[in-house]
N, C-alpha and C. Protein backbone atom coordinates (compact mmCIF):
# COMPACT_ATOMS: atom_id res chain seq x y z
N MET A 1 4.41 -94.01 2.62
CA MET A 1 4.29 -93.08 1.67
C MET A 1 5.08 -91.84 2.01
N ASN A 2 5.96 -91.30 1.50
CA ASN A 2 6.56 -90.13 1.89
C ASN A 2 5.92 -88.82 1.68
N SER A 3 5.50 -87.95 2.65
CA SER A 3 4.83 -87.02 2.62
C SER A 3 5.20 -86.05 1.70
N ALA A 4 6.73 -85.99 1.46
CA ALA A 4 6.96 -84.92 0.64
C ALA A 4 6.79 -84.99 -0.97
N LEU A 5 6.23 -86.22 -1.25
CA LEU A 5 6.13 -86.54 -2.61
C LEU A 5 4.94 -85.58 -3.28
N PRO A 6 4.09 -85.56 -2.73
CA PRO A 6 2.83 -84.56 -3.17
C PRO A 6 3.42 -83.17 -3.62
N ILE A 7 4.19 -82.68 -2.63
CA ILE A 7 4.62 -81.26 -2.69
C ILE A 7 5.99 -81.46 -4.04
N PHE A 8 6.40 -82.56 -3.84
CA PHE A 8 7.55 -82.22 -4.87
C PHE A 8 6.83 -82.50 -6.19
N ALA A 9 6.16 -83.30 -6.44
CA ALA A 9 5.09 -83.48 -7.65
C ALA A 9 4.52 -82.07 -8.26
N LEU A 10 4.06 -81.21 -7.42
CA LEU A 10 3.59 -80.09 -7.70
C LEU A 10 4.26 -78.87 -8.20
N ALA A 11 5.75 -79.15 -7.26
CA ALA A 11 6.69 -77.96 -7.94
C ALA A 11 7.26 -78.53 -8.96
N ILE A 12 7.36 -79.88 -9.33
CA ILE A 12 8.13 -80.25 -10.79
C ILE A 12 6.90 -79.56 -11.77
N SER A 13 5.55 -79.91 -11.55
CA SER A 13 4.44 -79.33 -12.54
C SER A 13 4.93 -78.25 -12.72
N ILE A 14 5.07 -77.37 -11.82
CA ILE A 14 5.07 -75.81 -12.04
C ILE A 14 6.34 -75.47 -12.68
N LEU A 15 7.39 -76.17 -12.37
CA LEU A 15 8.70 -75.76 -13.04
C LEU A 15 8.88 -76.53 -14.43
N THR A 16 8.20 -77.42 -14.83
CA THR A 16 8.54 -77.90 -16.13
C THR A 16 7.90 -76.96 -17.39
N GLY A 17 6.77 -76.02 -17.03
CA GLY A 17 6.54 -75.12 -18.22
C GLY A 17 7.87 -74.21 -18.48
N GLY A 18 8.70 -74.14 -17.80
CA GLY A 18 9.84 -73.40 -18.07
C GLY A 18 11.18 -74.32 -18.28
N CYS A 19 10.93 -75.19 -18.84
CA CYS A 19 12.39 -76.24 -18.63
C CYS A 19 13.40 -75.74 -19.48
N ALA A 20 13.03 -75.46 -20.88
CA ALA A 20 13.51 -75.02 -21.85
C ALA A 20 14.61 -73.57 -21.66
N ALA A 21 13.96 -72.49 -20.78
CA ALA A 21 14.69 -71.53 -20.30
C ALA A 21 15.10 -71.46 -18.98
N GLY A 22 15.29 -72.45 -18.11
CA GLY A 22 15.57 -72.37 -16.70
C GLY A 22 14.50 -72.52 -16.14
N ASN A 23 14.14 -71.51 -15.25
CA ASN A 23 12.70 -71.49 -14.53
C ASN A 23 12.02 -70.54 -15.18
N ASP A 24 12.56 -69.49 -16.25
CA ASP A 24 11.86 -68.37 -16.52
C ASP A 24 10.51 -68.97 -17.46
N VAL A 25 9.53 -68.32 -17.22
CA VAL A 25 8.24 -68.84 -18.00
C VAL A 25 7.68 -67.54 -18.51
N ALA A 26 7.52 -67.38 -19.60
CA ALA A 26 6.92 -66.27 -20.28
C ALA A 26 5.49 -66.59 -20.74
N THR A 27 4.65 -65.87 -20.22
CA THR A 27 3.16 -66.59 -20.74
C THR A 27 2.73 -65.40 -21.89
N THR A 28 2.12 -64.27 -21.57
CA THR A 28 1.36 -63.57 -22.73
C THR A 28 2.94 -62.62 -22.95
N PRO A 29 2.82 -62.17 -24.20
CA PRO A 29 3.96 -61.31 -24.72
C PRO A 29 3.58 -59.86 -24.40
N ALA A 30 4.57 -59.33 -23.82
CA ALA A 30 4.36 -58.19 -23.51
C ALA A 30 5.32 -56.87 -24.18
N PRO A 31 5.04 -55.94 -24.09
CA PRO A 31 5.64 -54.96 -25.18
C PRO A 31 7.15 -54.97 -24.81
N GLU A 32 8.20 -54.68 -25.92
CA GLU A 32 9.51 -55.08 -25.60
C GLU A 32 10.08 -53.82 -24.37
N SER A 33 9.27 -52.72 -24.14
CA SER A 33 9.62 -51.70 -23.00
C SER A 33 9.09 -52.10 -21.97
N ALA A 34 8.32 -53.45 -21.48
CA ALA A 34 7.58 -53.64 -20.43
C ALA A 34 8.69 -53.84 -19.44
N THR A 35 8.37 -53.39 -18.23
CA THR A 35 9.18 -53.62 -17.06
C THR A 35 8.48 -54.15 -15.73
N CYS A 36 9.20 -54.52 -14.68
CA CYS A 36 8.42 -55.18 -14.07
C CYS A 36 8.16 -54.31 -12.59
N SER A 37 7.06 -54.17 -12.03
CA SER A 37 7.15 -53.33 -10.79
C SER A 37 6.54 -54.17 -9.73
N ASP A 38 6.92 -54.23 -8.57
CA ASP A 38 6.53 -55.50 -7.39
C ASP A 38 5.94 -54.42 -6.45
N GLN A 39 5.35 -53.04 -6.66
CA GLN A 39 4.82 -52.21 -5.72
C GLN A 39 3.58 -53.10 -5.01
N ALA A 40 2.89 -53.47 -6.02
CA ALA A 40 1.56 -54.06 -5.62
C ALA A 40 1.42 -55.56 -5.38
N LEU A 41 2.56 -56.18 -5.07
CA LEU A 41 2.65 -57.72 -5.01
C LEU A 41 2.46 -58.14 -3.39
N GLY A 42 2.58 -57.28 -2.28
CA GLY A 42 2.31 -57.78 -1.24
C GLY A 42 1.36 -58.35 -0.95
N SER A 43 0.25 -58.60 -1.37
CA SER A 43 -1.08 -59.20 -0.95
C SER A 43 -0.59 -60.90 -1.59
N PHE A 44 0.29 -60.99 -2.53
CA PHE A 44 0.54 -62.72 -2.79
C PHE A 44 1.12 -63.39 -1.86
N ILE A 45 2.09 -62.71 -0.75
CA ILE A 45 2.79 -63.40 -0.08
C ILE A 45 2.01 -64.01 0.61
N GLY A 46 2.13 -64.93 1.06
CA GLY A 46 1.47 -66.35 1.83
C GLY A 46 0.40 -67.03 1.23
N GLN A 47 0.23 -66.60 0.03
CA GLN A 47 -0.68 -67.46 -0.91
C GLN A 47 -0.01 -68.78 -1.45
N LYS A 48 -0.54 -69.82 -2.02
CA LYS A 48 0.02 -70.68 -2.39
C LYS A 48 0.43 -70.69 -3.85
N ALA A 49 1.71 -71.33 -4.08
CA ALA A 49 2.42 -71.08 -5.48
C ALA A 49 1.51 -72.04 -6.33
N SER A 50 0.98 -71.59 -7.45
CA SER A 50 0.60 -72.14 -8.35
C SER A 50 0.62 -71.63 -9.77
N THR A 51 0.26 -71.89 -10.71
CA THR A 51 0.14 -71.82 -12.36
C THR A 51 -0.82 -70.65 -12.33
N GLU A 52 -1.98 -70.64 -11.48
CA GLU A 52 -2.68 -69.50 -11.55
C GLU A 52 -2.31 -68.16 -10.81
N THR A 53 -1.57 -68.60 -9.59
CA THR A 53 -0.96 -67.49 -9.00
C THR A 53 0.22 -66.87 -9.50
N GLY A 54 0.76 -67.70 -10.38
CA GLY A 54 1.70 -67.32 -10.98
C GLY A 54 1.36 -66.11 -12.29
N ALA A 55 0.21 -66.61 -12.85
CA ALA A 55 -0.42 -65.68 -13.90
C ALA A 55 -0.63 -64.32 -13.37
N ALA A 56 -1.58 -64.37 -12.06
CA ALA A 56 -1.77 -63.25 -11.38
C ALA A 56 -0.93 -62.41 -11.06
N LEU A 57 0.51 -62.95 -10.55
CA LEU A 57 1.57 -61.98 -10.25
C LEU A 57 2.31 -61.48 -11.42
N GLN A 58 2.18 -62.21 -12.50
CA GLN A 58 2.70 -61.56 -13.71
C GLN A 58 1.95 -60.50 -14.33
N ASN A 59 0.70 -60.70 -14.24
CA ASN A 59 -0.31 -59.84 -14.63
C ASN A 59 -0.28 -58.54 -13.92
N THR A 60 -0.13 -58.73 -12.56
CA THR A 60 -0.08 -57.68 -11.75
C THR A 60 0.93 -56.84 -11.77
N SER A 61 2.24 -57.36 -11.98
CA SER A 61 3.65 -56.76 -12.09
C SER A 61 3.83 -56.16 -13.35
N GLY A 62 3.21 -56.74 -14.11
CA GLY A 62 3.63 -56.13 -15.87
C GLY A 62 4.83 -56.93 -16.21
N ALA A 63 5.22 -57.99 -15.53
CA ALA A 63 6.85 -58.54 -15.83
C ALA A 63 6.63 -59.18 -17.14
N ARG A 64 7.36 -59.38 -17.91
CA ARG A 64 7.36 -60.22 -19.29
C ARG A 64 7.93 -61.43 -19.06
N THR A 65 8.67 -61.91 -18.14
CA THR A 65 9.10 -63.18 -17.45
C THR A 65 8.85 -63.38 -16.30
N LEU A 66 8.31 -64.59 -15.81
CA LEU A 66 8.12 -65.12 -14.42
C LEU A 66 9.28 -66.29 -14.02
N ARG A 67 9.80 -66.08 -12.75
CA ARG A 67 11.12 -67.04 -12.52
C ARG A 67 10.34 -67.81 -11.14
N TRP A 68 10.28 -68.96 -11.01
CA TRP A 68 10.03 -69.57 -9.67
C TRP A 68 11.31 -70.02 -9.20
N ALA A 69 11.40 -69.80 -7.74
CA ALA A 69 12.40 -70.02 -6.93
C ALA A 69 12.15 -70.79 -5.70
N PRO A 70 12.57 -72.14 -6.16
CA PRO A 70 12.12 -72.99 -5.17
C PRO A 70 12.94 -72.84 -3.92
N PRO A 71 12.57 -73.82 -2.86
CA PRO A 71 13.44 -73.58 -1.60
C PRO A 71 14.96 -74.12 -1.93
N ARG A 72 15.81 -73.74 -1.11
CA ARG A 72 17.41 -74.08 -1.43
C ARG A 72 18.14 -74.09 -2.96
N SER A 73 17.38 -73.05 -3.50
CA SER A 73 17.84 -73.13 -5.04
C SER A 73 18.62 -72.12 -5.41
N ALA A 74 19.57 -72.08 -6.24
CA ALA A 74 20.41 -71.03 -6.50
C ALA A 74 19.59 -70.42 -7.73
N VAL A 75 19.68 -69.22 -8.04
CA VAL A 75 19.17 -68.26 -9.21
C VAL A 75 20.18 -67.30 -9.67
N THR A 76 20.21 -67.12 -10.77
CA THR A 76 21.41 -66.10 -11.57
C THR A 76 21.23 -64.77 -10.80
N MET A 77 21.97 -63.82 -10.48
CA MET A 77 21.81 -62.61 -9.99
C MET A 77 21.91 -61.32 -11.02
N ASP A 78 21.72 -61.88 -12.30
CA ASP A 78 21.61 -60.94 -13.39
C ASP A 78 20.39 -60.05 -13.40
N PHE A 79 20.59 -58.93 -13.53
CA PHE A 79 19.40 -58.02 -13.42
C PHE A 79 18.70 -57.97 -14.66
N ARG A 80 17.48 -58.14 -14.74
CA ARG A 80 16.57 -58.02 -16.01
C ARG A 80 15.20 -57.37 -15.38
N PRO A 81 15.22 -55.81 -15.90
CA PRO A 81 13.97 -55.32 -15.60
C PRO A 81 12.73 -55.81 -16.20
N ASP A 82 12.66 -56.58 -16.65
CA ASP A 82 11.24 -57.36 -17.08
C ASP A 82 11.10 -58.35 -16.68
N ARG A 83 11.52 -59.04 -15.47
CA ARG A 83 11.38 -60.33 -14.94
C ARG A 83 11.21 -60.02 -13.52
N LEU A 84 10.00 -61.14 -13.10
CA LEU A 84 9.72 -61.32 -11.75
C LEU A 84 10.18 -62.77 -11.17
N THR A 85 10.71 -62.59 -10.04
CA THR A 85 11.02 -63.67 -9.40
C THR A 85 10.62 -64.03 -7.87
N VAL A 86 9.67 -65.26 -7.84
CA VAL A 86 8.97 -65.61 -6.83
C VAL A 86 9.57 -66.67 -6.18
N SER A 87 9.65 -66.38 -4.79
CA SER A 87 10.44 -67.59 -3.92
C SER A 87 9.37 -68.13 -3.07
N TYR A 88 9.46 -69.36 -2.95
CA TYR A 88 8.35 -70.25 -2.16
C TYR A 88 8.84 -71.10 -0.94
N ASP A 89 8.19 -71.47 -0.48
CA ASP A 89 8.91 -72.26 0.84
C ASP A 89 8.56 -73.83 0.59
N ASP A 90 8.81 -74.84 1.25
CA ASP A 90 8.61 -76.45 1.30
C ASP A 90 7.13 -76.47 1.42
N ALA A 91 6.38 -75.67 1.95
CA ALA A 91 4.96 -75.91 1.77
C ALA A 91 4.29 -75.08 0.56
N MET A 92 5.08 -74.61 -0.20
CA MET A 92 4.52 -74.18 -1.66
C MET A 92 4.01 -72.81 -1.38
N THR A 93 4.39 -72.29 -0.14
CA THR A 93 3.75 -70.96 0.10
C THR A 93 4.69 -69.77 -0.21
N ILE A 94 4.29 -68.76 -0.84
CA ILE A 94 4.94 -67.65 -1.53
C ILE A 94 5.57 -66.87 -0.14
N ILE A 95 6.84 -66.85 -0.47
CA ILE A 95 7.56 -65.76 0.86
C ILE A 95 8.10 -64.45 0.13
N SER A 96 8.32 -64.42 -1.03
CA SER A 96 8.73 -63.18 -1.86
C SER A 96 8.42 -62.96 -3.25
N ALA A 97 8.35 -61.71 -3.67
CA ALA A 97 8.14 -61.55 -5.26
C ALA A 97 8.77 -60.48 -5.59
N ARG A 98 9.93 -60.29 -6.29
CA ARG A 98 10.82 -59.23 -6.69
C ARG A 98 11.14 -59.26 -8.31
N CYS A 99 11.32 -58.04 -8.46
CA CYS A 99 11.63 -57.79 -9.88
C CYS A 99 12.93 -58.01 -10.05
N GLY A 100 13.56 -58.14 -11.13
CA GLY A 100 14.91 -57.73 -11.82
C GLY A 100 15.46 -58.95 -11.85
């Protein structure tokens, strides 16, 4: 059995929530003026990417939208002050969380 299969399945389950809008996943509606702040997100680096961690990241940052960036994936470079982009590695470990 391929050992990457469980990781792939978890990644798919995380990403399919935002399928209709790329990888952007809006959870709780934020005010229109909401902006993201990545100042307090350092403690999430090294944690496992999951739905629960994503919700905590979004809540802590105040971001209106959460975008997961899987390994070796391309993401748009357009700036959105209300968006949080979270990158993770092949082991589903968060390696960065940044606004924009």
